Amino acid sequence: MVQLTKFQLKFAPVRRNALAMRWIVDAARKRGDKSMALRLANELSDAAENKGSAVKKREDVHRMAEANKAFAHYRW
């Protein structure tokens, strides 16, 4: 049986910004506020205070990268 391992690579600044915006918009869509503008404003406010779903997603990605750091030198 083959076990697949996820590992993280360094992203270019444009890619990092795109991922951050995508995570913020996705987290805003999942909020229960009335309008998208209000949801996005609240998510941005939470992100500025280091809380919210987008920040949790970032922390999860960083934790996964730290756990799989030993495999970072592999490039298939």
PDB file of N, CA and C in Angstrom:
ATOM      1  N   MET A   1       0.838  -1.168   0.000  1.00  0.00           N
ATOM      2  CA  MET A   1       0.000   0.000   0.000  1.00  0.00           C
ATOM      3  C   MET A   1       0.892   1.243   0.000  1.00  0.00           C
ATOM      4  N   VAL A   2       0.548   2.197  -0.815  1.00  0.00           N
ATOM      5  CA  VAL A   2       1.316   3.431  -0.919  1.00  0.00           C
ATOM      6  C   VAL A   2       0.624   4.507  -0.099  1.00  0.00           C
ATOM      7  N   GLN A   3       1.397   5.175   0.734  1.00  0.00           N
ATOM      8  CA  GLN A   3       0.838   6.252   1.537  1.00  0.00           C
ATOM      9  C   GLN A   3       1.269   7.582   0.929  1.00  0.00           C
ATOM     10  N   LEU A   4       0.307   8.433   0.664  1.00  0.00           N
ATOM     11  CA  LEU A   4       0.613   9.738   0.100  1.00  0.00           C
ATOM     12  C   LEU A   4       0.909  10.717   1.224  1.00  0.00           C
ATOM     13  N   THR A   5       1.899  11.542   1.030  1.00  0.00           N
ATOM     14  CA  THR A   5       2.286  12.531   2.023  1.00  0.00           C
ATOM     15  C   THR A   5       2.122  13.914   1.423  1.00  0.00           C
ATOM     16  N   LYS A   6       1.435  14.787   2.151  1.00  0.00           N
ATOM     17  CA  LYS A   6       1.329  16.174   1.722  1.00  0.00           C
ATOM     18  C   LYS A   6       2.487  16.947   2.309  1.00  0.00           C
ATOM     19  N   PHE A   7       3.080  17.785   1.509  1.00  0.00           N
ATOM     20  CA  PHE A   7       4.114  18.668   2.023  1.00  0.00           C
ATOM     21  C   PHE A   7       3.960  20.020   1.348  1.00  0.00           C
ATOM     22  N   GLN A   8       4.452  21.024   2.000  1.00  0.00           N
ATOM     23  CA  GLN A   8       4.255  22.385   1.532  1.00  0.00           C
ATOM     24  C   GLN A   8       5.504  22.912   0.840  1.00  0.00           C
ATOM     25  N   LEU A   9       5.289  23.714  -0.155  1.00  0.00           N
ATOM     26  CA  LEU A   9       6.363  24.399  -0.854  1.00  0.00           C
ATOM     27  C   LEU A   9       6.217  25.892  -0.610  1.00  0.00           C
ATOM     28  N   LYS A  10       7.290  26.620  -0.805  1.00  0.00           N
ATOM     29  CA  LYS A  10       7.205  28.071  -0.689  1.00  0.00           C
ATOM     30  C   LYS A  10       6.487  28.613  -1.914  1.00  0.00           C
ATOM     31  N   PHE A  11       5.549  29.514  -1.665  1.00  0.00           N
ATOM     32  CA  PHE A  11       4.789  30.115  -2.748  1.00  0.00           C
ATOM     33  C   PHE A  11       5.321  31.502  -3.062  1.00  0.00           C
ATOM     34  N   ALA A  12       5.118  31.921  -4.288  1.00  0.00           N
ATOM     35  CA  ALA A  12       5.458  33.282  -4.688  1.00  0.00           C
ATOM     36  C   ALA A  12       4.510  34.255  -3.980  1.00  0.00           C
ATOM     37  N   PRO A  13       4.916  35.501  -3.804  1.00  0.00           N
ATOM     38  CA  PRO A  13       4.060  36.479  -3.112  1.00  0.00           C
ATOM     39  C   PRO A  13       2.676  36.633  -3.738  1.00  0.00           C
ATOM     40  N   VAL A  14       2.580  36.576  -5.053  1.00  0.00           N
ATOM     41  CA  VAL A  14       1.276  36.701  -5.712  1.00  0.00           C
ATOM     42  C   VAL A  14       0.382  35.528  -5.333  1.00  0.00           C
ATOM     43  N   ARG A  15       0.947  34.338  -5.306  1.00  0.00           N
ATOM     44  CA  ARG A  15       0.185  33.137  -4.934  1.00  0.00           C
ATOM     45  C   ARG A  15      -0.255  33.206  -3.477  1.00  0.00           C
ATOM     46  N   ARG A  16       0.624  33.679  -2.586  1.00  0.00           N
ATOM     47  CA  ARG A  16       0.271  33.808  -1.168  1.00  0.00           C
ATOM     48  C   ARG A  16      -0.897  34.764  -0.990  1.00  0.00           C
ATOM     49  N   ASN A  17      -0.858  35.895  -1.690  1.00  0.00           N
ATOM     50  CA  ASN A  17      -1.948  36.863  -1.586  1.00  0.00           C
ATOM     51  C   ASN A  17      -3.252  36.291  -2.133  1.00  0.00           C
ATOM     52  N   ALA A  18      -3.169  35.564  -3.235  1.00  0.00           N
ATOM     53  CA  ALA A  18      -4.367  34.963  -3.820  1.00  0.00           C
ATOM     54  C   ALA A  18      -4.986  33.947  -2.864  1.00  0.00           C
ATOM     55  N   LEU A  19      -4.151  33.119  -2.232  1.00  0.00           N
ATOM     56  CA  LEU A  19      -4.673  32.146  -1.270  1.00  0.00           C
ATOM     57  C   LEU A  19      -5.309  32.840  -0.072  1.00  0.00           C
ATOM     58  N   ALA A  20      -4.663  33.882   0.427  1.00  0.00           N
ATOM     59  CA  ALA A  20      -5.204  34.607   1.576  1.00  0.00           C
ATOM     60  C   ALA A  20      -6.563  35.209   1.238  1.00  0.00           C
ATOM     61  N   MET A  21      -6.678  35.827   0.076  1.00  0.00           N
ATOM     62  CA  MET A  21      -7.967  36.417  -0.320  1.00  0.00           C
ATOM     63  C   MET A  21      -9.028  35.342  -0.500  1.00  0.00           C
ATOM     64  N   ARG A  22      -8.640  34.207  -1.087  1.00  0.00           N
ATOM     65  CA  ARG A  22      -9.599  33.120  -1.285  1.00  0.00           C
ATOM     66  C   ARG A  22     -10.100  32.584   0.052  1.00  0.00           C
ATOM     67  N   TRP A  23      -9.177  32.404   1.031  1.00  0.00           N
ATOM     68  CA  TRP A  23      -9.577  31.898   2.338  1.00  0.00           C
ATOM     69  C   TRP A  23     -10.494  32.886   3.048  1.00  0.00           C
ATOM     70  N   ILE A  24     -10.227  34.179   2.917  1.00  0.00           N
ATOM     71  CA  ILE A  24     -11.069  35.191   3.561  1.00  0.00           C
ATOM     72  C   ILE A  24     -12.456  35.204   2.932  1.00  0.00           C
ATOM     73  N   VAL A  25     -12.533  35.160   1.604  1.00  0.00           N
ATOM     74  CA  VAL A  25     -13.835  35.168   0.928  1.00  0.00           C
ATOM     75  C   VAL A  25     -14.609  33.890   1.249  1.00  0.00           C
ATOM     76  N   ASP A  26     -13.944  32.737   1.246  1.00  0.00           N
ATOM     77  CA  ASP A  26     -14.620  31.479   1.588  1.00  0.00           C
ATOM     78  C   ASP A  26     -15.150  31.508   3.014  1.00  0.00           C
ATOM     79  N   ALA A  27     -14.354  32.027   3.946  1.00  0.00           N
ATOM     80  CA  ALA A  27     -14.800  32.123   5.332  1.00  0.00           C
ATOM     81  C   ALA A  27     -15.962  33.090   5.450  1.00  0.00           C
ATOM     82  N   ALA A  28     -15.940  34.175   4.686  1.00  0.00           N
ATOM     83  CA  ALA A  28     -17.033  35.147   4.720  1.00  0.00           C
ATOM     84  C   ALA A  28     -18.320  34.533   4.185  1.00  0.00           C
ATOM     85  N   ARG A  29     -18.216  33.701   3.153  1.00  0.00           N
ATOM     86  CA  ARG A  29     -19.413  33.059   2.596  1.00  0.00           C
ATOM     87  C   ARG A  29     -20.081  32.130   3.601  1.00  0.00           C
ATOM     88  N   LYS A  30     -19.302  31.542   4.493  1.00  0.00           N
ATOM     89  CA  LYS A  30     -19.849  30.593   5.464  1.00  0.00           C
ATOM     90  C   LYS A  30     -20.439  31.273   6.692  1.00  0.00           C
ATOM     91  N   ARG A  31     -20.233  32.578   6.826  1.00  0.00           N
ATOM     92  CA  ARG A  31     -20.770  33.300   7.978  1.00  0.00           C
ATOM     93  C   ARG A  31     -22.281  33.443   7.834  1.00  0.00           C
ATOM     94  N   GLY A  32     -22.959  33.695   8.940  1.00  0.00           N
ATOM     95  CA  GLY A  32     -24.413  33.792   8.922  1.00  0.00           C
ATOM     96  C   GLY A  32     -24.942  35.210   8.896  1.00  0.00           C
ATOM     97  N   ASP A  33     -24.118  36.187   8.564  1.00  0.00           N
ATOM     98  CA  ASP A  33     -24.578  37.573   8.542  1.00  0.00           C
ATOM     99  C   ASP A  33     -25.506  37.813   7.359  1.00  0.00           C
ATOM    100  N   LYS A  34     -26.130  38.987   7.354  1.00  0.00           N
ATOM    101  CA  LYS A  34     -27.191  39.265   6.398  1.00  0.00           C
ATOM    102  C   LYS A  34     -26.692  39.448   4.958  1.00  0.00           C
ATOM    103  N   SER A  35     -25.738  40.317   4.743  1.00  0.00           N
ATOM    104  CA  SER A  35     -25.271  40.577   3.381  1.00  0.00           C
ATOM    105  C   SER A  35     -23.809  40.159   3.238  1.00  0.00           C
ATOM    106  N   MET A  36     -23.387  39.974   1.986  1.00  0.00           N
ATOM    107  CA  MET A  36     -22.001  39.583   1.735  1.00  0.00           C
ATOM    108  C   MET A  36     -21.047  40.687   2.164  1.00  0.00           C
ATOM    109  N   ALA A  37     -21.439  41.934   1.990  1.00  0.00           N
ATOM    110  CA  ALA A  37     -20.581  43.050   2.402  1.00  0.00           C
ATOM    111  C   ALA A  37     -20.346  43.015   3.906  1.00  0.00           C
ATOM    112  N   LEU A  38     -21.389  42.741   4.663  1.00  0.00           N
ATOM    113  CA  LEU A  38     -21.269  42.662   6.119  1.00  0.00           C
ATOM    114  C   LEU A  38     -20.441  41.448   6.528  1.00  0.00           C
ATOM    115  N   ARG A  39     -20.659  40.323   5.858  1.00  0.00           N
ATOM    116  CA  ARG A  39     -19.880  39.115   6.164  1.00  0.00           C
ATOM    117  C   ARG A  39     -18.403  39.331   5.888  1.00  0.00           C
ATOM    118  N   LEU A  40     -18.095  39.942   4.746  1.00  0.00           N
ATOM    119  CA  LEU A  40     -16.704  40.196   4.379  1.00  0.00           C
ATOM    120  C   LEU A  40     -16.060  41.193   5.341  1.00  0.00           C
ATOM    121  N   ALA A  41     -16.796  42.233   5.713  1.00  0.00           N
ATOM    122  CA  ALA A  41     -16.270  43.218   6.662  1.00  0.00           C
ATOM    123  C   ALA A  41     -15.982  42.566   8.007  1.00  0.00           C
ATOM    124  N   ASN A  42     -16.883  41.717   8.476  1.00  0.00           N
ATOM    125  CA  ASN A  42     -16.676  41.040   9.760  1.00  0.00           C
ATOM    126  C   ASN A  42     -15.508  40.060   9.695  1.00  0.00           C
ATOM    127  N   GLU A  43     -15.363  39.370   8.580  1.00  0.00           N
ATOM    128  CA  GLU A  43     -14.248  38.425   8.452  1.00  0.00           C
ATOM    129  C   GLU A  43     -12.914  39.168   8.388  1.00  0.00           C
ATOM    130  N   LEU A  44     -12.869  40.283   7.680  1.00  0.00           N
ATOM    131  CA  LEU A  44     -11.646  41.092   7.638  1.00  0.00           C
ATOM    132  C   LEU A  44     -11.313  41.647   9.017  1.00  0.00           C
ATOM    133  N   SER A  45     -12.341  42.046   9.747  1.00  0.00           N
ATOM    134  CA  SER A  45     -12.133  42.540  11.111  1.00  0.00           C
ATOM    135  C   SER A  45     -11.582  41.434  12.004  1.00  0.00           C
ATOM    136  N   ASP A  46     -12.139  40.240  11.884  1.00  0.00           N
ATOM    137  CA  ASP A  46     -11.641  39.103  12.662  1.00  0.00           C
ATOM    138  C   ASP A  46     -10.207  38.753  12.267  1.00  0.00           C
ATOM    139  N   ALA A  47      -9.904  38.812  10.981  1.00  0.00           N
ATOM    140  CA  ALA A  47      -8.550  38.497  10.519  1.00  0.00           C
ATOM    141  C   ALA A  47      -7.546  39.514  11.057  1.00  0.00           C
ATOM    142  N   ALA A  48      -7.950  40.767  11.149  1.00  0.00           N
ATOM    143  CA  ALA A  48      -7.056  41.794  11.688  1.00  0.00           C
ATOM    144  C   ALA A  48      -6.764  41.556  13.165  1.00  0.00           C
ATOM    145  N   GLU A  49      -7.697  40.905  13.856  1.00  0.00           N
ATOM    146  CA  GLU A  49      -7.529  40.594  15.277  1.00  0.00           C
ATOM    147  C   GLU A  49      -6.982  39.187  15.503  1.00  0.00           C
ATOM    148  N   ASN A  50      -6.514  38.527  14.436  1.00  0.00           N
ATOM    149  CA  ASN A  50      -5.972  37.158  14.492  1.00  0.00           C
ATOM    150  C   ASN A  50      -6.971  36.153  15.041  1.00  0.00           C
ATOM    151  N   LYS A  51      -8.204  36.257  14.595  1.00  0.00           N
ATOM    152  CA  LYS A  51      -9.204  35.243  14.898  1.00  0.00           C
ATOM    153  C   LYS A  51     -10.097  35.096  13.673  1.00  0.00           C
ATOM    154  N   GLY A  52     -10.944  34.109  13.672  1.00  0.00           N
ATOM    155  CA  GLY A  52     -11.806  33.879  12.525  1.00  0.00           C
ATOM    156  C   GLY A  52     -11.385  32.641  11.753  1.00  0.00           C
ATOM    157  N   SER A  53     -12.219  32.256  10.812  1.00  0.00           N
ATOM    158  CA  SER A  53     -12.005  31.022  10.050  1.00  0.00           C
ATOM    159  C   SER A  53     -10.802  31.099   9.120  1.00  0.00           C
ATOM    160  N   ALA A  54     -10.570  32.249   8.509  1.00  0.00           N
ATOM    161  CA  ALA A  54      -9.440  32.380   7.584  1.00  0.00           C
ATOM    162  C   ALA A  54      -8.115  32.249   8.326  1.00  0.00           C
ATOM    163  N   VAL A  55      -8.036  32.804   9.526  1.00  0.00           N
ATOM    164  CA  VAL A  55      -6.807  32.702  10.321  1.00  0.00           C
ATOM    165  C   VAL A  55      -6.604  31.265  10.773  1.00  0.00           C
ATOM    166  N   LYS A  56      -7.695  30.581  11.127  1.00  0.00           N
ATOM    167  CA  LYS A  56      -7.595  29.177  11.529  1.00  0.00           C
ATOM    168  C   LYS A  56      -7.094  28.327  10.358  1.00  0.00           C
ATOM    169  N   LYS A  57      -7.581  28.617   9.157  1.00  0.00           N
ATOM    170  CA  LYS A  57      -7.129  27.898   7.962  1.00  0.00           C
ATOM    171  C   LYS A  57      -5.630  28.102   7.754  1.00  0.00           C
ATOM    172  N   ARG A  58      -5.161  29.343   7.913  1.00  0.00           N
ATOM    173  CA  ARG A  58      -3.728  29.631   7.768  1.00  0.00           C
ATOM    174  C   ARG A  58      -2.913  28.872   8.799  1.00  0.00           C
ATOM    175  N   GLU A  59      -3.387  28.855  10.045  1.00  0.00           N
ATOM    176  CA  GLU A  59      -2.671  28.140  11.100  1.00  0.00           C
ATOM    177  C   GLU A  59      -2.631  26.646  10.822  1.00  0.00           C
ATOM    178  N   ASP A  60      -3.722  26.098  10.296  1.00  0.00           N
ATOM    179  CA  ASP A  60      -3.749  24.675   9.945  1.00  0.00           C
ATOM    180  C   ASP A  60      -2.734  24.358   8.845  1.00  0.00           C
ATOM    181  N   VAL A  61      -2.654  25.222   7.845  1.00  0.00           N
ATOM    182  CA  VAL A  61      -1.697  25.008   6.753  1.00  0.00           C
ATOM    183  C   VAL A  61      -0.269  25.094   7.279  1.00  0.00           C
ATOM    184  N   HIS A  62      -0.005  26.067   8.148  1.00  0.00           N
ATOM    185  CA  HIS A  62       1.340  26.199   8.712  1.00  0.00           C
ATOM    186  C   HIS A  62       1.688  25.000   9.595  1.00  0.00           C
ATOM    187  N   ARG A  63       0.723  24.516  10.364  1.00  0.00           N
ATOM    188  CA  ARG A  63       0.952  23.350  11.220  1.00  0.00           C
ATOM    189  C   ARG A  63       1.256  22.121  10.374  1.00  0.00           C
ATOM    190  N   MET A  64       0.529  21.949   9.270  1.00  0.00           N
ATOM    191  CA  MET A  64       0.756  20.820   8.372  1.00  0.00           C
ATOM    192  C   MET A  64       2.138  20.924   7.723  1.00  0.00           C
ATOM    193  N   ALA A  65       2.535  22.128   7.350  1.00  0.00           N
ATOM    194  CA  ALA A  65       3.855  22.320   6.747  1.00  0.00           C
ATOM    195  C   ALA A  65       4.955  21.999   7.747  1.00  0.00           C
ATOM    196  N   GLU A  66       4.774  22.404   8.984  1.00  0.00           N
ATOM    197  CA  GLU A  66       5.773  22.125  10.022  1.00  0.00           C
ATOM    198  C   GLU A  66       5.869  20.626  10.282  1.00  0.00           C
ATOM    199  N   ALA A  67       4.736  19.937  10.275  1.00  0.00           N
ATOM    200  CA  ALA A  67       4.728  18.500  10.528  1.00  0.00           C
ATOM    201  C   ALA A  67       5.409  17.726   9.399  1.00  0.00           C
ATOM    202  N   ASN A  68       5.315  18.237   8.183  1.00  0.00           N
ATOM    203  CA  ASN A  68       5.871  17.535   7.023  1.00  0.00           C
ATOM    204  C   ASN A  68       7.138  18.193   6.490  1.00  0.00           C
ATOM    205  N   LYS A  69       7.817  18.926   7.329  1.00  0.00           N
ATOM    206  CA  LYS A  69       9.024  19.637   6.904  1.00  0.00           C
ATOM    207  C   LYS A  69      10.108  18.683   6.401  1.00  0.00           C
ATOM    208  N   ALA A  70      10.147  17.475   6.928  1.00  0.00           N
ATOM    209  CA  ALA A  70      11.173  16.511   6.534  1.00  0.00           C
ATOM    210  C   ALA A  70      11.056  16.118   5.062  1.00  0.00           C
ATOM    211  N   PHE A  71       9.874  16.261   4.482  1.00  0.00           N
ATOM    212  CA  PHE A  71       9.656  15.860   3.092  1.00  0.00           C
ATOM    213  C   PHE A  71       9.785  17.024   2.115  1.00  0.00           C
ATOM    214  N   ALA A  72      10.177  18.194   2.582  1.00  0.00           N
ATOM    215  CA  ALA A  72      10.192  19.394   1.741  1.00  0.00           C
ATOM    216  C   ALA A  72      11.212  19.315   0.613  1.00  0.00           C
ATOM    217  N   HIS A  73      12.234  18.501   0.750  1.00  0.00           N
ATOM    218  CA  HIS A  73      13.251  18.434  -0.298  1.00  0.00           C
ATOM    219  C   HIS A  73      12.828  17.573  -1.486  1.00  0.00           C
ATOM    220  N   TYR A  74      11.715  16.839  -1.379  1.00  0.00           N
ATOM    221  CA  TYR A  74      11.215  16.041  -2.493  1.00  0.00           C
ATOM    222  C   TYR A  74      10.424  16.926  -3.446  1.00  0.00           C
ATOM    223  N   ARG A  75      10.699  16.805  -4.724  1.00  0.00           N
ATOM    224  CA  ARG A  75       9.921  17.503  -5.749  1.00  0.00           C
ATOM    225  C   ARG A  75       9.645  16.493  -6.853  1.00  0.00           C
ATOM    226  N   TRP A  76       8.424  16.019  -6.942  1.00  0.00           N
ATOM    227  CA  TRP A  76       8.096  15.026  -7.961  1.00  0.00           C
ATOM    228  C   TRP A  76       7.696  15.695  -9.225  1.00  0.00           C
TER     229      TRP A  76
END
